[in-house]
């Protein structure tokens, strides 16, 4: 897992715009992964689980509480965006949730995040809005949007 954390942090550093403060620190990632019911998925250049010599081009992290799951982070290295890696990670995440008996998945993101299109295409629907939740260093506060997906057919 240590090597994965190094590579996850490499993606984290370039995937999130520092103006929004969304990237996690190494400590936050490491501490989260030590907690029970916290999961992560990694992707290589083709979106699948990477081989030993493949670089990690994207990752997702989540945590589970009983029969609900929260997608904490999903990130793709900018050089590999629009290649299906985010969709592949999200698909693997949703399948894993269903296999574990998760009824509902939640995620939260800032208003205007380009990933909204991906989430909606994968069946997530907006269920809430937190006014002025995120801080932007140049443009002021931004709302957070809450999305959910029912995993049970």
Protein backbone atom coordinates (compact mmCIF):
# COMPACT_ATOMS: atom_id res chain seq x y z
CA UNK A 1 0.00 0.00 0.00
CA UNK A 2 2.91 2.38 0.67
CA UNK A 3 3.89 2.46 -3.00
CA UNK A 4 0.27 3.08 -3.90
CA UNK A 5 0.08 6.02 -1.50
CA UNK A 6 3.17 7.54 -3.13
CA UNK A 7 1.57 7.20 -6.55
CA UNK A 8 -1.83 8.36 -5.33
CA UNK A 9 -0.16 11.48 -3.96
CA UNK A 10 1.61 12.04 -7.29
CA UNK A 11 -1.80 12.09 -8.99
CA UNK A 12 -3.35 14.14 -6.18
CA UNK A 13 -0.74 16.90 -6.54
CA UNK A 14 -1.57 17.54 -10.20
CA UNK A 15 -5.23 16.55 -10.41
CA UNK A 16 -6.78 19.13 -8.08
CA UNK A 17 -6.67 22.88 -8.70
CA UNK A 18 -5.00 24.45 -5.65
CA UNK A 19 -7.41 27.41 -5.85
CA UNK A 20 -10.16 25.19 -4.40
CA UNK A 21 -8.22 23.40 -1.66
CA UNK A 22 -9.74 20.02 -2.55
CA UNK A 23 -6.56 17.94 -2.55
CA UNK A 24 -5.84 15.91 0.55
CA UNK A 25 -2.50 15.76 2.31
CA UNK A 26 -0.50 12.55 2.50
CA UNK A 27 -1.42 12.31 6.18
CA UNK A 28 -5.12 12.57 5.43
CA UNK A 29 -4.90 9.81 2.82
CA UNK A 30 -2.74 7.55 4.99
CA UNK A 31 -4.89 8.03 8.09
CA UNK A 32 -8.09 7.42 6.14
CA UNK A 33 -6.79 4.18 4.66
CA UNK A 34 -5.98 2.90 8.15
CA UNK A 35 -9.63 3.21 9.16
CA UNK A 36 -11.92 0.21 8.77
CA UNK A 37 -14.34 0.29 5.84
CA UNK A 38 -12.24 2.71 3.81
CA UNK A 39 -11.41 1.54 0.31
CA UNK A 40 -9.37 2.67 -2.65
CA UNK A 41 -9.11 1.78 -6.30
CA UNK A 42 -6.26 2.63 -8.65
CA UNK A 43 -6.12 2.75 -12.42
CA UNK A 44 -3.35 2.38 -14.95
CA UNK A 45 -3.22 4.06 -18.35
CA UNK A 46 -6.03 1.84 -19.69
CA UNK A 47 -8.33 2.45 -16.69
CA UNK A 48 -7.92 -1.06 -15.31
CA UNK A 49 -6.01 -2.19 -12.23
CA UNK A 50 -2.39 -1.37 -13.11
CA UNK A 51 0.31 -4.00 -13.46
CA UNK A 52 3.51 -3.81 -11.41
CA UNK A 53 5.28 -1.67 -13.99
CA UNK A 54 2.31 0.54 -14.93
CA UNK A 55 2.00 4.04 -13.51
CA UNK A 56 -1.10 4.94 -11.53
CA UNK A 57 -3.04 7.44 -13.62
CA UNK A 58 -6.10 7.75 -11.40
CA UNK A 59 -7.61 6.69 -8.12
CA UNK A 60 -10.80 6.68 -6.10
CA UNK A 61 -11.33 6.48 -2.34
CA UNK A 62 -14.49 5.78 -0.38
CA UNK A 63 -15.75 4.92 3.06
CA UNK A 64 -18.65 2.75 4.10
CA UNK A 65 -21.13 3.09 6.94
CA UNK A 66 -23.48 0.11 7.23
CA UNK A 67 -25.19 -0.02 3.79
CA UNK A 68 -24.19 3.42 2.48
CA UNK A 69 -20.95 4.50 0.84
CA UNK A 70 -19.41 7.92 0.35
CA UNK A 71 -17.11 8.54 -2.58
CA UNK A 72 -14.47 10.71 -0.94
CA UNK A 73 -12.13 11.33 -3.85
CA UNK A 74 -11.89 10.53 -7.54
CA UNK A 75 -8.95 11.91 -9.48
CA UNK A 76 -7.30 11.37 -12.85
CA UNK A 77 -3.90 12.71 -13.84
CA UNK A 78 -4.47 15.62 -16.27
CA UNK A 79 -2.38 13.91 -18.98
CA UNK A 80 -4.85 11.00 -18.99
CA UNK A 81 -8.17 12.82 -18.76
CA UNK A 82 -10.91 12.20 -21.32
CA UNK A 83 -9.54 8.68 -21.94
CA UNK A 84 -12.18 6.79 -19.95
CA UNK A 85 -10.13 6.36 -16.78
CA UNK A 86 -12.55 8.26 -14.54
CA UNK A 87 -15.49 6.31 -15.96
CA UNK A 88 -13.62 3.02 -15.47
CA UNK A 89 -12.77 3.87 -11.86
CA UNK A 90 -16.32 4.95 -11.13
CA UNK A 91 -17.65 1.78 -12.74
CA UNK A 92 -15.36 -0.46 -10.68
CA UNK A 93 -16.34 1.47 -7.55
CA UNK A 94 -20.09 1.03 -8.22
CA UNK A 95 -19.70 -2.69 -8.98
CA UNK A 96 -17.72 -3.16 -5.78
CA UNK A 97 -20.40 -1.32 -3.79
CA UNK A 98 -23.11 -3.56 -5.23
CA UNK A 99 -21.05 -6.68 -4.47
CA UNK A 100 -20.74 -5.54 -0.83
CA UNK A 101 -24.50 -4.93 -0.53
CA UNK A 102 -24.35 -1.14 -0.50
CA UNK A 103 -27.81 0.38 -1.00
CA UNK A 104 -26.85 3.98 -1.75
CA UNK A 105 -23.74 5.92 -2.72
CA UNK A 106 -23.18 9.60 -1.98
CA UNK A 107 -20.66 12.14 -3.18
CA UNK A 108 -20.14 15.84 -2.77
CA UNK A 109 -18.37 18.20 -5.15
CA UNK A 110 -18.03 21.88 -5.81
CA UNK A 111 -20.48 23.54 -8.16
CA UNK A 112 -18.86 23.88 -11.56
CA UNK A 113 -16.65 20.80 -11.23
CA UNK A 114 -16.32 19.30 -14.73
CA UNK A 115 -16.70 15.80 -13.23
CA UNK A 116 -20.42 16.50 -12.76
CA UNK A 117 -21.04 15.35 -16.34
CA UNK A 118 -19.38 11.99 -15.61
CA UNK A 119 -21.34 11.47 -12.39
CA UNK A 120 -24.64 12.27 -14.06
CA UNK A 121 -23.82 9.96 -16.99
CA UNK A 122 -23.21 7.15 -14.49
CA UNK A 123 -26.63 7.61 -12.89
CA UNK A 124 -25.95 9.99 -10.00
CA UNK A 125 -28.63 12.60 -9.29
CA UNK A 126 -28.31 15.81 -7.34
CA UNK A 127 -30.06 15.68 -3.98
CA UNK A 128 -28.73 18.76 -2.21
CA UNK A 129 -26.72 21.96 -2.19
CA UNK A 130 -24.58 23.50 0.55
CA UNK A 131 -24.39 27.24 0.01
CA UNK A 132 -20.88 28.78 0.11
CA UNK A 133 -19.31 25.51 1.31
CA UNK A 134 -16.02 25.66 -0.62
CA UNK A 135 -13.54 28.51 -0.53
CA UNK A 136 -11.95 29.74 -3.71
CA UNK A 137 -8.78 31.78 -3.30
CA UNK A 138 -9.70 34.13 -6.14
CA UNK A 139 -13.47 34.13 -6.70
CA UNK A 140 -15.01 33.72 -3.27
CA UNK A 141 -17.19 30.94 -1.87
CA UNK A 142 -18.64 28.18 -4.05
CA UNK A 143 -21.60 25.93 -3.35
CA UNK A 144 -21.17 22.19 -2.76
CA UNK A 145 -23.47 19.83 -4.64
CA UNK A 146 -24.52 16.52 -3.10
CA UNK A 147 -25.30 13.57 -5.38
CA UNK A 148 -26.57 10.06 -4.77
CA UNK A 149 -26.92 6.79 -6.63
CA UNK A 150 -29.15 3.90 -5.64
CA UNK A 151 -27.18 0.70 -6.03
CA UNK A 152 -30.05 -1.73 -5.65
CA UNK A 153 -31.95 -2.54 -8.81
